[in-house]
Protein backbone atom coordinates (compact mmCIF):
# COMPACT_ATOMS: atom_id res chain seq x y z
CA UNK A 1 72.09 82.82 64.04
CA UNK A 2 69.11 80.56 64.25
CA UNK A 3 69.18 78.92 60.78
CA UNK A 4 66.29 76.71 61.70
CA UNK A 5 64.08 79.78 62.09
CA UNK A 6 65.14 81.17 58.64
CA UNK A 7 64.40 77.85 57.01
CA UNK A 8 60.72 78.10 58.02
CA UNK A 9 60.40 81.87 57.36
CA UNK A 10 61.74 81.91 53.76
CA UNK A 11 58.78 80.06 52.07
CA UNK A 12 56.32 82.46 53.71
CA UNK A 13 58.19 85.52 52.41
CA UNK A 14 58.41 84.13 48.88
CA UNK A 15 54.70 83.33 48.87
CA UNK A 16 53.74 86.89 49.82
CA UNK A 17 55.56 88.30 46.74
CA UNK A 18 53.94 86.13 44.05
CA UNK A 19 51.52 88.00 41.66
CA UNK A 20 48.97 85.18 41.92
CA UNK A 21 48.05 85.80 45.55
CA UNK A 22 44.30 86.16 46.27
CA UNK A 23 44.78 89.77 47.39
CA UNK A 24 45.78 91.00 43.92
CA UNK A 25 44.34 88.52 41.34
CA UNK A 26 41.19 89.56 39.35
CA UNK A 27 38.24 87.14 39.07
CA UNK A 28 38.56 84.85 36.07
CA UNK A 29 36.02 85.62 33.25
CA UNK A 30 34.40 82.71 31.38
CA UNK A 31 35.99 82.14 28.00
CA UNK A 32 34.06 83.00 24.74
CA UNK A 33 34.70 81.48 21.32
CA UNK A 34 36.48 83.79 18.92
CA UNK A 35 34.02 85.67 16.70
CA UNK A 36 30.97 85.02 18.89
CA UNK A 37 30.26 88.73 19.32
CA UNK A 38 30.07 89.21 15.52
CA UNK A 39 27.65 86.35 14.93
CA UNK A 40 24.38 88.38 15.06
CA UNK A 41 25.69 90.99 12.62
CA UNK A 42 26.97 88.27 10.32
CA UNK A 43 23.60 86.50 10.39
CA UNK A 44 21.81 89.77 9.55
CA UNK A 45 24.13 90.42 6.62
CA UNK A 46 23.58 86.92 5.30
CA UNK A 47 19.78 87.41 5.39
CA UNK A 48 19.76 90.49 3.12
CA UNK A 49 18.86 90.33 -0.55
CA UNK A 50 18.53 92.90 -3.35
CA UNK A 51 15.30 94.01 -5.01
CA UNK A 52 14.73 96.42 -7.92
CA UNK A 53 11.66 98.44 -8.93
CA UNK A 54 10.92 101.29 -11.32
CA UNK A 55 8.80 104.42 -11.51
CA UNK A 56 8.30 106.65 -14.54
CA UNK A 57 11.56 108.52 -13.93
CA UNK A 58 13.61 106.45 -11.48
CA UNK A 59 15.04 102.99 -10.88
CA UNK A 60 15.28 101.92 -7.23
CA UNK A 61 17.48 99.29 -5.62
CA UNK A 62 16.73 98.16 -2.08
CA UNK A 63 18.11 95.66 0.36
CA UNK A 64 15.55 93.65 2.34
CA UNK A 65 15.53 90.96 5.01
CA UNK A 66 14.47 87.62 3.54
CA UNK A 67 13.44 86.48 7.03
CA UNK A 68 10.58 89.01 7.02
CA UNK A 69 9.14 88.72 3.49
CA UNK A 70 9.85 87.40 0.02
CA UNK A 71 10.71 89.00 -3.29
CA UNK A 72 7.30 87.91 -4.59
CA UNK A 73 5.54 89.68 -1.73
CA UNK A 74 7.48 92.85 -2.52
CA UNK A 75 6.54 92.50 -6.20
CA UNK A 76 2.87 91.96 -5.35
CA UNK A 77 2.86 94.95 -3.00
CA UNK A 78 4.31 97.21 -5.67
CA UNK A 79 1.83 95.83 -8.20
CA UNK A 80 -0.96 96.99 -5.89
CA UNK A 81 0.60 100.44 -5.74
CA UNK A 82 1.20 100.95 -9.43
CA UNK A 83 -1.05 98.55 -11.36
CA UNK A 84 -4.58 97.23 -11.49
CA UNK A 85 -6.25 99.91 -13.59
CA UNK A 86 -8.70 99.26 -16.38
CA UNK A 87 -7.70 100.27 -19.90
CA UNK A 88 -11.18 99.91 -21.39
CA UNK A 89 -12.65 103.39 -21.59
CA UNK A 90 -16.06 104.99 -21.88
CA UNK A 91 -14.57 108.11 -23.47
CA UNK A 92 -15.54 109.10 -27.00
CA UNK A 93 -14.56 112.25 -28.88
CA UNK A 94 -16.66 112.01 -32.03
CA UNK A 95 -19.94 110.33 -32.92
CA UNK A 96 -18.21 107.51 -34.83
CA UNK A 97 -16.55 106.39 -31.57
CA UNK A 98 -19.86 105.57 -29.92
CA UNK A 99 -20.23 102.33 -31.88
CA UNK A 100 -16.78 101.21 -30.75
CA UNK A 101 -17.79 101.09 -27.09
CA UNK A 102 -18.09 97.52 -25.82
CA UNK A 103 -19.48 96.30 -22.51
CA UNK A 104 -18.24 92.80 -23.36
CA UNK A 105 -14.66 94.06 -23.67
CA UNK A 106 -15.01 95.85 -20.36
CA UNK A 107 -16.46 92.78 -18.63
CA UNK A 108 -13.63 90.56 -19.83
CA UNK A 109 -10.92 92.97 -18.74
CA UNK A 110 -12.55 93.58 -15.38
CA UNK A 111 -12.73 89.84 -14.67
CA UNK A 112 -9.02 89.43 -15.49
CA UNK A 113 -7.86 92.41 -13.44
CA UNK A 114 -10.08 91.45 -10.51
CA UNK A 115 -8.69 87.91 -10.46
CA UNK A 116 -5.14 89.26 -10.66
CA UNK A 117 -5.58 91.64 -7.73
CA UNK A 118 -7.29 89.03 -5.58
CA UNK A 119 -4.39 86.59 -5.95
CA UNK A 120 -1.74 89.15 -5.03
CA UNK A 121 -0.09 88.45 -1.67
CA UNK A 122 1.45 91.68 -0.39
CA UNK A 123 3.88 92.03 2.50
CA UNK A 124 2.20 91.00 5.78
CA UNK A 125 0.76 93.80 7.90
CA UNK A 126 -2.30 95.99 8.33
CA UNK A 127 -0.92 98.71 6.01
CA UNK A 128 -0.66 96.37 3.07
CA UNK A 129 -3.97 94.62 3.75
CA UNK A 130 -5.56 98.07 3.60
CA UNK A 131 -3.72 98.78 0.35
CA UNK A 132 -5.27 95.70 -1.24
CA UNK A 133 -8.72 96.67 0.00
CA UNK A 134 -8.36 100.16 -1.45
CA UNK A 135 -7.17 98.78 -4.78
CA UNK A 136 -10.21 96.49 -5.05
CA UNK A 137 -12.44 99.42 -4.12
CA UNK A 138 -10.91 101.57 -6.84
CA UNK A 139 -11.30 98.82 -9.44
CA UNK A 140 -14.96 98.26 -8.60
CA UNK A 141 -15.73 101.99 -8.60
CA UNK A 142 -14.08 102.40 -11.96
CA UNK A 143 -15.78 99.37 -13.48
CA UNK A 144 -19.22 100.47 -12.30
CA UNK A 145 -18.79 104.00 -13.67
CA UNK A 146 -17.43 102.90 -17.06
CA UNK A 147 -20.08 100.24 -17.58
CA UNK A 148 -22.95 102.56 -16.75
CA UNK A 149 -21.57 105.29 -19.00
CA UNK A 150 -21.21 102.92 -21.96
CA UNK A 151 -24.78 101.73 -21.49
CA UNK A 152 -25.92 105.32 -21.14
CA UNK A 153 -25.19 106.13 -24.77
CA UNK A 154 -28.01 103.85 -25.86
CA UNK A 155 -30.17 104.36 -22.76
CA UNK A 156 -29.56 107.74 -21.05
CA UNK A 157 -32.32 107.06 -18.51
CA UNK A 158 -29.92 104.63 -16.80
CA UNK A 159 -27.70 107.58 -16.00
CA UNK A 160 -30.56 109.74 -14.79
CA UNK A 161 -31.82 106.99 -12.46
CA UNK A 162 -28.39 106.09 -11.06
CA UNK A 163 -27.13 106.83 -7.56
CA UNK A 164 -24.47 109.26 -8.77
CA UNK A 165 -24.63 112.91 -7.60
CA UNK A 166 -27.40 115.13 -8.93
CA UNK A 167 -24.76 117.52 -10.26
CA UNK A 168 -23.66 114.83 -12.73
CA UNK A 169 -27.22 114.17 -13.84
CA UNK A 170 -27.86 117.77 -14.88
CA UNK A 171 -25.94 117.13 -18.09
CA UNK A 172 -28.05 114.20 -19.28
CA UNK A 173 -31.60 114.96 -18.13
CA UNK A 174 -32.52 116.28 -21.56
CA UNK A 175 -31.09 113.15 -23.21
CA UNK A 176 -32.95 110.92 -20.76
CA UNK A 177 -36.22 112.74 -21.37
CA UNK A 178 -35.74 112.89 -25.15
CA UNK A 179 -36.42 116.62 -25.02
CA UNK A 180 -34.55 118.44 -27.80
CA UNK A 181 -34.84 121.92 -26.32
CA UNK A 182 -33.58 120.66 -22.96
CA UNK A 183 -30.68 118.88 -24.69
CA UNK A 184 -29.67 122.10 -26.46
CA UNK A 185 -29.93 124.11 -23.22
CA UNK A 186 -27.78 121.63 -21.30
CA UNK A 187 -25.26 121.53 -24.14
CA UNK A 188 -24.96 125.32 -24.25
CA UNK A 189 -24.55 125.47 -20.47
CA UNK A 190 -21.75 122.89 -20.67
CA UNK A 191 -19.98 125.01 -23.28
CA UNK A 192 -20.15 128.03 -20.97
CA UNK A 193 -18.59 126.00 -18.19
CA UNK A 194 -15.82 124.80 -20.47
CA UNK A 195 -15.08 128.30 -21.67
CA UNK A 196 -14.06 129.32 -18.14
CA UNK A 197 -11.00 127.07 -18.32
CA UNK A 198 -10.13 127.43 -21.98
CA UNK A 199 -7.57 129.84 -23.39
CA UNK A 200 -9.62 130.28 -26.57
CA UNK A 201 -13.23 130.25 -25.31
CA UNK A 202 -14.68 131.54 -28.58
CA UNK A 203 -13.52 128.36 -30.35
CA UNK A 204 -15.76 126.26 -28.10
CA UNK A 205 -18.80 128.36 -28.93
CA UNK A 206 -17.99 128.19 -32.65
CA UNK A 207 -17.77 124.39 -32.47
CA UNK A 208 -21.07 124.20 -30.61
CA UNK A 209 -22.82 126.28 -33.26
CA UNK A 210 -21.38 124.12 -36.03
CA UNK A 211 -22.17 120.76 -34.43
CA UNK A 212 -25.63 121.76 -33.21
CA UNK A 213 -26.55 122.66 -36.80
CA UNK A 214 -25.37 119.31 -38.23
CA UNK A 215 -27.92 116.67 -39.35
CA UNK A 216 -26.61 114.28 -36.66
CA UNK A 217 -26.49 116.96 -33.98
CA UNK A 218 -28.09 114.58 -31.48
CA UNK A 219 -25.00 112.34 -31.63
CA UNK A 220 -22.71 115.31 -31.16
CA UNK A 221 -24.79 116.28 -28.13
CA UNK A 222 -24.35 112.78 -26.71
CA UNK A 223 -20.58 113.00 -27.08
CA UNK A 224 -20.39 116.38 -25.39
CA UNK A 225 -22.93 115.86 -22.62
CA UNK A 226 -22.06 112.31 -21.68
CA UNK A 227 -18.30 112.37 -22.22
CA UNK A 228 -17.38 115.89 -21.15
CA UNK A 229 -20.27 116.61 -18.80
CA UNK A 230 -21.47 113.40 -17.16
CA UNK A 231 -18.23 111.40 -17.28
CA UNK A 232 -15.95 114.17 -16.03
CA UNK A 233 -18.32 114.61 -13.08
CA UNK A 234 -18.67 110.90 -12.29
CA UNK A 235 -14.95 110.36 -12.67
CA UNK A 236 -14.42 112.59 -9.64
CA UNK A 237 -16.45 110.20 -7.48
CA UNK A 238 -14.17 107.22 -8.13
CA UNK A 239 -12.18 106.50 -4.98
CA UNK A 240 -8.77 106.25 -6.57
CA UNK A 241 -5.64 104.91 -4.96
CA UNK A 242 -3.03 107.38 -6.11
CA UNK A 243 0.65 106.33 -5.85
CA UNK A 244 1.39 109.28 -3.56
CA UNK A 245 4.70 110.10 -1.90
CA UNK A 246 3.27 108.73 1.36
CA UNK A 247 2.74 105.28 -0.15
CA UNK A 248 6.19 105.38 -1.76
CA UNK A 249 7.75 106.19 1.61
CA UNK A 250 5.85 103.35 3.26
CA UNK A 251 7.14 100.99 0.60
CA UNK A 252 10.74 102.14 1.00
CA UNK A 253 10.52 101.45 4.75
CA UNK A 254 10.38 97.74 3.89
CA UNK A 255 14.07 97.93 2.98
CA UNK A 256 17.16 98.41 5.14
CA UNK A 257 18.47 100.91 2.58
CA UNK A 258 17.38 102.22 -0.81
CA UNK A 259 19.35 103.76 -3.66
CA UNK A 260 17.87 105.40 -6.73
CA UNK A 261 18.90 106.51 -10.21
CA UNK A 262 16.67 109.05 -11.89
CA UNK A 263 16.59 110.57 -15.34
CA UNK A 264 17.53 114.19 -15.67
CA UNK A 265 14.61 116.45 -16.40
CA UNK A 266 15.38 119.44 -18.61
């Protein structure tokens, strides 16, 4: 046997059997630090914070991304949705209430509420910029209507000469003209309108007959015609920002998740 030939053949045979030959070995993948794939999720979790807000019946808890907006911006946004209304009223229900009306009180409150709304910084975005614009619009509409109505008790011609709809002015034309028969006619017409939506319509007519026969009937007429006629009509022209379900849904979209606890309603 040629042992010299076997001596040279054996290394070649052994090399062909090794698992590391180029014919069978897979390409080597670059190494990755342990936990690198979880880093983005971990960063997102670390950036979440909790925020609470309340409605009349529910308490909400939401998680939000602090990289997108702040807790103060969320608070300011919700303040625009739920706050910012005037509490000073032009409503009176008896002649003695007329003297309690105060334009000065209204002016002071309006200035405070206006300054408060202007400084609010809602969540960035066109939706919330529009919300702030609508809130300012509502405030100014309300202020204008209340102020004019208060002044109208002492000077009804201001109401008659205003830019409000003619339908609202029908109630106060007699007052503005100082025409007693026209005042009585307008008052009686208002009572007829009110009777359509009242479960005891005869009580309204009885009250009209009693008040119109009183020595201070003119003051009673002011209360009825300005408060229940004029004001109810003008109040419908105020462009109000109602906290509708749509706005609530838009607000909840600012959070990654929202949970709520609501009172049971019997």
